[in-house]
Amino acid sequence: MKWTPTVNAALCNGCNRCVEVCDSGTLTLRNGVALVAWPDSCQSDAECVRVCPQQAMRMEWMAMDGDRTRGKWVIGGRAWPGRVRGCRQLRVG
């Protein structure tokens, strides 16, 4: 499971703020709505959620395979930031 953004298309007004703050290039704008186009590249920092004026973005644990050095992952009931070395593991749930 990876901590990634999701978009409520009904709330998104296409302001593009989330795409602009996404350093990893995870998000794009398509047909006037934000889209999580490349979830594997997400750093799980939730900047997109913080800047959304419509509250159309939120972070969720999503089942996926991918590069575990990018973002936050959960395996076997434990979560950890993939790119931060030396951090203690955090219990989920």
C-alpha atoms as a PDB file:
ATOM      1  CA  MET A   1       0.000   0.000   0.000  1.00  0.00           C
ATOM      2  CA  LYS A   2       1.262   3.458  -0.850  1.00  0.00           C
ATOM      3  CA  TRP A   3       0.187   6.825   0.598  1.00  0.00           C
ATOM      4  CA  THR A   4      -0.949   8.691  -2.525  1.00  0.00           C
ATOM      5  CA  PRO A   5      -3.292  11.537  -3.448  1.00  0.00           C
ATOM      6  CA  THR A   6      -6.770  10.999  -4.816  1.00  0.00           C
ATOM      7  CA  VAL A   7      -8.923  13.592  -6.540  1.00  0.00           C
ATOM      8  CA  ASN A   8     -12.642  14.172  -6.122  1.00  0.00           C
ATOM      9  CA  ALA A   9     -13.411  15.256  -9.696  1.00  0.00           C
ATOM     10  CA  ALA A  10     -16.767  16.719  -8.661  1.00  0.00           C
ATOM     11  CA  LEU A  11     -14.978  19.214  -6.371  1.00  0.00           C
ATOM     12  CA  CYS A  12     -11.950  19.992  -8.560  1.00  0.00           C
ATOM     13  CA  ASN A  13     -12.204  23.356 -10.347  1.00  0.00           C
ATOM     14  CA  GLY A  14      -9.044  22.883 -12.430  1.00  0.00           C
ATOM     15  CA  CYS A  15      -7.085  25.700 -10.746  1.00  0.00           C
ATOM     16  CA  ASN A  16      -3.823  23.747 -11.354  1.00  0.00           C
ATOM     17  CA  ARG A  17      -2.321  24.623  -7.931  1.00  0.00           C
ATOM     18  CA  CYS A  18      -1.785  20.962  -7.030  1.00  0.00           C
ATOM     19  CA  VAL A  19       0.055  20.320 -10.297  1.00  0.00           C
ATOM     20  CA  GLU A  20       2.278  23.368  -9.753  1.00  0.00           C
ATOM     21  CA  VAL A  21       3.424  22.298  -6.254  1.00  0.00           C
ATOM     22  CA  CYS A  22       3.951  18.636  -7.158  1.00  0.00           C
ATOM     23  CA  ASP A  23       7.748  18.370  -7.410  1.00  0.00           C
ATOM     24  CA  SER A  24       7.600  14.722  -8.438  1.00  0.00           C
ATOM     25  CA  GLY A  25       5.372  15.256 -11.492  1.00  0.00           C
ATOM     26  CA  THR A  26       2.725  12.873 -10.177  1.00  0.00           C
ATOM     27  CA  LEU A  27      -0.195  15.122 -11.071  1.00  0.00           C
ATOM     28  CA  THR A  28      -1.446  16.562 -14.335  1.00  0.00           C
ATOM     29  CA  LEU A  29      -4.488  18.482 -15.468  1.00  0.00           C
ATOM     30  CA  ARG A  30      -6.748  16.753 -17.973  1.00  0.00           C
ATOM     31  CA  ASN A  31     -10.037  18.150 -19.251  1.00  0.00           C
ATOM     32  CA  GLY A  32      -9.996  20.771 -16.493  1.00  0.00           C
ATOM     33  CA  VAL A  33      -9.618  18.236 -13.651  1.00  0.00           C
ATOM     34  CA  ALA A  34      -6.522  17.204 -11.672  1.00  0.00           C
ATOM     35  CA  LEU A  35      -5.423  13.646 -12.379  1.00  0.00           C
ATOM     36  CA  VAL A  36      -2.999  11.376 -10.506  1.00  0.00           C
ATOM     37  CA  ALA A  37      -1.252  10.275 -13.679  1.00  0.00           C
ATOM     38  CA  TRP A  38       1.970   8.787 -12.214  1.00  0.00           C
ATOM     39  CA  PRO A  39       1.284   7.578  -8.637  1.00  0.00           C
ATOM     40  CA  ASP A  40       4.555   5.634  -8.513  1.00  0.00           C
ATOM     41  CA  SER A  41       6.525   8.900  -8.591  1.00  0.00           C
ATOM     42  CA  CYS A  42       4.582  10.445  -5.660  1.00  0.00           C
ATOM     43  CA  GLN A  43       6.691  11.507  -2.657  1.00  0.00           C
ATOM     44  CA  SER A  44       3.653  11.234  -0.310  1.00  0.00           C
ATOM     45  CA  ASP A  45       4.264  14.737   1.070  1.00  0.00           C
ATOM     46  CA  ALA A  46       0.614  15.877   0.650  1.00  0.00           C
ATOM     47  CA  GLU A  47       1.560  19.339  -0.650  1.00  0.00           C
ATOM     48  CA  CYS A  48      -1.190  18.963  -3.253  1.00  0.00           C
ATOM     49  CA  VAL A  49      -3.750  18.462  -0.480  1.00  0.00           C
ATOM     50  CA  ARG A  50      -2.577  21.545   1.412  1.00  0.00           C
ATOM     51  CA  VAL A  51      -2.854  23.925  -1.560  1.00  0.00           C
ATOM     52  CA  CYS A  52      -6.220  22.761  -2.924  1.00  0.00           C
ATOM     53  CA  PRO A  53      -8.758  25.579  -2.365  1.00  0.00           C
ATOM     54  CA  GLN A  54     -11.688  23.264  -3.164  1.00  0.00           C
ATOM     55  CA  GLN A  55     -10.573  20.445  -0.823  1.00  0.00           C
ATOM     56  CA  ALA A  56     -10.782  18.122  -3.817  1.00  0.00           C
ATOM     57  CA  MET A  57      -7.528  16.335  -2.924  1.00  0.00           C
ATOM     58  CA  ARG A  58      -6.907  13.876  -0.115  1.00  0.00           C
ATOM     59  CA  MET A  59      -4.322  11.243   0.732  1.00  0.00           C
ATOM     60  CA  GLU A  60      -5.256   7.554   0.883  1.00  0.00           C
ATOM     61  CA  TRP A  61      -3.495   4.217   1.216  1.00  0.00           C
ATOM     62  CA  MET A  62      -3.721   2.660  -2.257  1.00  0.00           C
ATOM     63  CA  ALA A  63      -2.754  -0.868  -3.246  1.00  0.00           C
ATOM     64  CA  MET A  64       0.025  -0.776  -5.821  1.00  0.00           C
ATOM     65  CA  ASP A  65       3.439  -2.063  -6.790  1.00  0.00           C
ATOM     66  CA  GLY A  66       6.324   0.238  -7.470  1.00  0.00           C
ATOM     67  CA  ASP A  67       9.511   1.933  -6.378  1.00  0.00           C
ATOM     68  CA  ARG A  68       9.589   1.734  -2.568  1.00  0.00           C
ATOM     69  CA  THR A  69      12.296   4.390  -2.357  1.00  0.00           C
ATOM     70  CA  ARG A  70       9.739   7.061  -3.324  1.00  0.00           C
ATOM     71  CA  GLY A  71       6.951   8.002  -0.921  1.00  0.00           C
ATOM     72  CA  LYS A  72       5.447   6.230   2.090  1.00  0.00           C
ATOM     73  CA  TRP A  73       4.554   2.534   1.971  1.00  0.00           C
ATOM     74  CA  VAL A  74       2.818   0.094   4.315  1.00  0.00           C
ATOM     75  CA  ILE A  75       3.735  -3.576   4.442  1.00  0.00           C
ATOM     76  CA  GLY A  76       2.775  -5.956   7.228  1.00  0.00           C
ATOM     77  CA  GLY A  77       1.081  -3.299   9.364  1.00  0.00           C
ATOM     78  CA  ARG A  78       4.023  -0.888   9.429  1.00  0.00           C
ATOM     79  CA  ALA A  79       4.530   2.344   7.518  1.00  0.00           C
ATOM     80  CA  TRP A  80       7.715   4.203   6.749  1.00  0.00           C
ATOM     81  CA  PRO A  81       8.900   7.066   4.552  1.00  0.00           C
ATOM     82  CA  GLY A  82      10.860   5.515   1.727  1.00  0.00           C
ATOM     83  CA  ARG A  83      13.338   8.327   1.118  1.00  0.00           C
ATOM     84  CA  VAL A  84      14.088   9.395   4.686  1.00  0.00           C
ATOM     85  CA  ARG A  85      16.950   7.398   6.127  1.00  0.00           C
ATOM     86  CA  GLY A  86      17.182   6.776   9.855  1.00  0.00           C
ATOM     87  CA  CYS A  87      13.513   7.463  10.639  1.00  0.00           C
ATOM     88  CA  ARG A  88      11.820   5.143  13.061  1.00  0.00           C
ATOM     89  CA  GLN A  89       8.951   3.079  11.695  1.00  0.00           C
ATOM     90  CA  LEU A  90       5.447   4.252  12.495  1.00  0.00           C
ATOM     91  CA  ARG A  91       2.598   1.983  13.463  1.00  0.00           C
ATOM     92  CA  VAL A  92      -0.473   2.194  11.229  1.00  0.00           C
ATOM     93  CA  GLY A  93      -3.966   1.670  12.581  1.00  0.00           C
END
